[in-house]
Amino acid sequence: IKDSTSIYLKSTDPRLHRSLSLPEFMLAFVRYLNVMTEVHPERLVELNIYLSFIVKMGVQFPPPLFYEYQKNFSRKAAAILST
């Protein structure tokens, strides 16, 4: 018997294409940090250093430069981890 299941994929979420403000990024990153360090507490210092770096960049340079840096860094890190 042939299964006639259909799968409907949502179109891309437009929220994923906008740049976050510095406070929005900080809130999201702290949530990520809390989840990540629950499983990997040894990463707390590293993640706090990264957050500090991004906040300094966000204060020194006009928006959205800090967020563009963050997206590029994340993209490169994901590519390295996938190889």
N, C-alpha and C. Protein backbone atom coordinates (compact mmCIF):
# COMPACT_ATOMS: atom_id res chain seq x y z
N ILE A 1 0.86 -1.17 0.00
CA ILE A 1 0.00 0.00 0.00
C ILE A 1 0.91 1.23 0.00
N LYS A 2 0.60 2.15 -0.87
CA LYS A 2 1.39 3.37 -1.01
C LYS A 2 0.89 4.43 -0.05
N ASP A 3 1.81 5.03 0.69
CA ASP A 3 1.46 6.10 1.63
C ASP A 3 1.43 7.43 0.88
N SER A 4 0.36 8.14 1.00
CA SER A 4 0.24 9.43 0.29
C SER A 4 0.32 10.60 1.27
N THR A 5 1.41 10.63 2.00
CA THR A 5 1.61 11.70 2.97
C THR A 5 2.19 12.92 2.28
N SER A 6 1.65 14.06 2.58
CA SER A 6 2.18 15.31 2.04
C SER A 6 2.89 16.08 3.15
N ILE A 7 3.98 16.70 2.77
CA ILE A 7 4.72 17.53 3.71
C ILE A 7 4.69 18.96 3.21
N TYR A 8 4.28 19.86 4.07
CA TYR A 8 4.23 21.28 3.72
C TYR A 8 5.27 22.01 4.56
N LEU A 9 6.18 22.66 3.86
CA LEU A 9 7.22 23.41 4.55
C LEU A 9 6.84 24.89 4.57
N LYS A 10 7.07 25.50 5.70
CA LYS A 10 6.81 26.93 5.80
C LYS A 10 7.83 27.69 4.97
N SER A 11 7.40 28.83 4.46
CA SER A 11 8.38 29.69 3.80
C SER A 11 9.31 30.25 4.88
N THR A 12 10.41 30.79 4.47
CA THR A 12 11.39 31.29 5.43
C THR A 12 10.77 32.34 6.34
N ASP A 13 11.08 32.24 7.59
CA ASP A 13 10.57 33.18 8.58
C ASP A 13 11.26 34.53 8.38
N PRO A 14 10.52 35.59 8.11
CA PRO A 14 11.13 36.91 7.85
C PRO A 14 11.90 37.45 9.05
N ARG A 15 11.59 36.98 10.25
CA ARG A 15 12.31 37.44 11.44
C ARG A 15 13.77 37.02 11.41
N LEU A 16 14.08 35.97 10.65
CA LEU A 16 15.45 35.49 10.57
C LEU A 16 16.33 36.36 9.68
N HIS A 17 15.72 37.28 8.94
CA HIS A 17 16.46 38.12 8.01
C HIS A 17 16.70 39.53 8.52
N ARG A 18 16.25 39.84 9.69
CA ARG A 18 16.49 41.19 10.21
C ARG A 18 17.63 41.15 11.21
N SER A 19 18.30 42.28 11.33
CA SER A 19 19.40 42.38 12.29
C SER A 19 18.85 42.69 13.67
N LEU A 20 19.40 42.05 14.67
CA LEU A 20 18.99 42.32 16.04
C LEU A 20 19.68 43.58 16.55
N SER A 21 19.00 44.29 17.42
CA SER A 21 19.64 45.39 18.12
C SER A 21 20.57 44.79 19.16
N LEU A 22 21.44 45.60 19.73
CA LEU A 22 22.36 45.10 20.75
C LEU A 22 21.60 44.52 21.96
N PRO A 23 20.58 45.22 22.50
CA PRO A 23 19.84 44.61 23.62
C PRO A 23 19.13 43.31 23.25
N GLU A 24 18.58 43.23 22.03
CA GLU A 24 17.93 41.99 21.60
C GLU A 24 18.94 40.85 21.51
N PHE A 25 20.11 41.15 20.95
CA PHE A 25 21.15 40.13 20.84
C PHE A 25 21.60 39.67 22.22
N MET A 26 21.82 40.64 23.12
CA MET A 26 22.28 40.29 24.46
C MET A 26 21.28 39.37 25.16
N LEU A 27 20.00 39.68 25.05
CA LEU A 27 18.97 38.85 25.67
C LEU A 27 18.99 37.43 25.08
N ALA A 28 19.05 37.34 23.76
CA ALA A 28 19.08 36.03 23.11
C ALA A 28 20.34 35.25 23.48
N PHE A 29 21.48 35.94 23.52
CA PHE A 29 22.73 35.26 23.82
C PHE A 29 22.77 34.79 25.26
N VAL A 30 22.25 35.57 26.18
CA VAL A 30 22.22 35.15 27.59
C VAL A 30 21.33 33.92 27.75
N ARG A 31 20.24 33.86 27.02
CA ARG A 31 19.39 32.65 27.05
C ARG A 31 20.17 31.45 26.54
N TYR A 32 20.88 31.64 25.42
CA TYR A 32 21.72 30.58 24.86
C TYR A 32 22.79 30.17 25.86
N LEU A 33 23.44 31.16 26.47
CA LEU A 33 24.50 30.92 27.45
C LEU A 33 23.97 30.09 28.62
N ASN A 34 22.79 30.42 29.11
CA ASN A 34 22.20 29.67 30.23
C ASN A 34 21.95 28.21 29.87
N VAL A 35 21.45 27.97 28.68
CA VAL A 35 21.18 26.60 28.24
C VAL A 35 22.50 25.85 28.02
N MET A 36 23.42 26.48 27.32
CA MET A 36 24.70 25.84 26.99
C MET A 36 25.50 25.50 28.25
N THR A 37 25.55 26.43 29.20
CA THR A 37 26.38 26.18 30.38
C THR A 37 25.72 25.23 31.37
N GLU A 38 24.44 24.96 31.19
CA GLU A 38 23.81 23.92 32.00
C GLU A 38 24.38 22.56 31.63
N VAL A 39 24.66 22.39 30.34
CA VAL A 39 25.21 21.12 29.84
C VAL A 39 26.74 21.14 29.86
N HIS A 40 27.32 22.30 29.55
CA HIS A 40 28.78 22.44 29.48
C HIS A 40 29.22 23.62 30.36
N PRO A 41 29.24 23.44 31.67
CA PRO A 41 29.61 24.55 32.55
C PRO A 41 31.02 25.08 32.32
N GLU A 42 31.88 24.27 31.77
CA GLU A 42 33.26 24.70 31.51
C GLU A 42 33.35 25.76 30.41
N ARG A 43 32.28 25.98 29.67
CA ARG A 43 32.27 26.98 28.58
C ARG A 43 31.84 28.37 29.05
N LEU A 44 31.50 28.53 30.32
CA LEU A 44 30.98 29.80 30.83
C LEU A 44 31.94 30.96 30.60
N VAL A 45 33.20 30.79 30.94
CA VAL A 45 34.17 31.88 30.78
C VAL A 45 34.31 32.26 29.31
N GLU A 46 34.45 31.26 28.45
CA GLU A 46 34.59 31.50 27.01
C GLU A 46 33.40 32.27 26.45
N LEU A 47 32.20 31.86 26.82
CA LEU A 47 31.00 32.52 26.30
C LEU A 47 30.85 33.93 26.86
N ASN A 48 31.21 34.14 28.11
CA ASN A 48 31.16 35.49 28.68
C ASN A 48 32.17 36.41 28.01
N ILE A 49 33.34 35.90 27.68
CA ILE A 49 34.34 36.70 26.97
C ILE A 49 33.81 37.09 25.59
N TYR A 50 33.18 36.14 24.90
CA TYR A 50 32.62 36.44 23.58
C TYR A 50 31.51 37.49 23.69
N LEU A 51 30.63 37.34 24.66
CA LEU A 51 29.55 38.32 24.85
C LEU A 51 30.13 39.70 25.13
N SER A 52 31.14 39.77 25.96
CA SER A 52 31.79 41.04 26.26
C SER A 52 32.39 41.67 25.00
N PHE A 53 33.02 40.85 24.18
CA PHE A 53 33.60 41.33 22.92
C PHE A 53 32.52 41.91 22.01
N ILE A 54 31.41 41.20 21.88
CA ILE A 54 30.32 41.65 21.01
C ILE A 54 29.70 42.94 21.55
N VAL A 55 29.51 43.03 22.86
CA VAL A 55 28.93 44.25 23.45
C VAL A 55 29.85 45.44 23.21
N LYS A 56 31.15 45.26 23.40
CA LYS A 56 32.10 46.35 23.13
C LYS A 56 32.03 46.77 21.67
N MET A 57 31.96 45.80 20.77
CA MET A 57 31.86 46.11 19.35
C MET A 57 30.56 46.85 19.05
N GLY A 58 29.47 46.42 19.68
CA GLY A 58 28.17 47.06 19.48
C GLY A 58 28.13 48.49 19.96
N VAL A 59 28.92 48.80 20.98
CA VAL A 59 28.98 50.17 21.52
C VAL A 59 29.91 51.04 20.67
N GLN A 60 31.01 50.48 20.19
CA GLN A 60 32.01 51.25 19.45
C GLN A 60 31.62 51.54 18.01
N PHE A 61 30.91 50.62 17.37
CA PHE A 61 30.64 50.75 15.94
C PHE A 61 29.14 50.91 15.69
N PRO A 62 28.79 51.55 14.59
CA PRO A 62 27.37 51.77 14.31
C PRO A 62 26.66 50.46 13.96
N PRO A 63 25.38 50.39 14.29
CA PRO A 63 24.61 49.19 13.92
C PRO A 63 24.56 49.08 12.40
N PRO A 64 24.45 47.93 11.86
CA PRO A 64 24.42 46.60 12.48
C PRO A 64 25.76 45.88 12.41
N LEU A 65 26.87 46.60 12.49
CA LEU A 65 28.19 45.96 12.30
C LEU A 65 28.45 44.82 13.28
N PHE A 66 28.08 44.99 14.55
CA PHE A 66 28.34 43.91 15.51
C PHE A 66 27.56 42.66 15.13
N TYR A 67 26.33 42.87 14.63
CA TYR A 67 25.48 41.72 14.29
C TYR A 67 25.96 41.05 13.01
N GLU A 68 26.45 41.83 12.06
CA GLU A 68 27.02 41.24 10.84
C GLU A 68 28.24 40.39 11.20
N TYR A 69 29.07 40.90 12.11
CA TYR A 69 30.23 40.13 12.58
C TYR A 69 29.75 38.82 13.22
N GLN A 70 28.76 38.90 14.09
CA GLN A 70 28.24 37.72 14.78
C GLN A 70 27.72 36.69 13.78
N LYS A 71 26.96 37.13 12.78
CA LYS A 71 26.42 36.20 11.78
C LYS A 71 27.54 35.54 10.99
N ASN A 72 28.54 36.32 10.58
CA ASN A 72 29.67 35.74 9.84
C ASN A 72 30.47 34.78 10.69
N PHE A 73 30.71 35.14 11.94
CA PHE A 73 31.44 34.26 12.86
C PHE A 73 30.67 32.95 13.04
N SER A 74 29.37 33.03 13.25
CA SER A 74 28.55 31.83 13.44
C SER A 74 28.56 30.95 12.19
N ARG A 75 28.47 31.59 11.03
CA ARG A 75 28.48 30.85 9.77
C ARG A 75 29.80 30.10 9.60
N LYS A 76 30.91 30.77 9.87
CA LYS A 76 32.23 30.12 9.74
C LYS A 76 32.39 29.00 10.76
N ALA A 77 31.96 29.23 11.98
CA ALA A 77 32.06 28.19 13.01
C ALA A 77 31.24 26.97 12.64
N ALA A 78 30.04 27.18 12.12
CA ALA A 78 29.18 26.06 11.71
C ALA A 78 29.83 25.29 10.56
N ALA A 79 30.45 25.99 9.63
CA ALA A 79 31.11 25.33 8.50
C ALA A 79 32.28 24.47 8.99
N ILE A 80 33.04 24.99 9.93
CA ILE A 80 34.17 24.24 10.48
C ILE A 80 33.68 23.00 11.23
N LEU A 81 32.62 23.15 12.01
CA LEU A 81 32.10 22.02 12.78
C LEU A 81 31.46 20.96 11.90
N SER A 82 30.98 21.34 10.72
CA SER A 82 30.30 20.37 9.85
C SER A 82 31.29 19.57 9.00
N THR A 83 32.57 19.94 9.04
CA THR A 83 33.56 19.19 8.24
C THR A 83 34.21 18.11 9.05
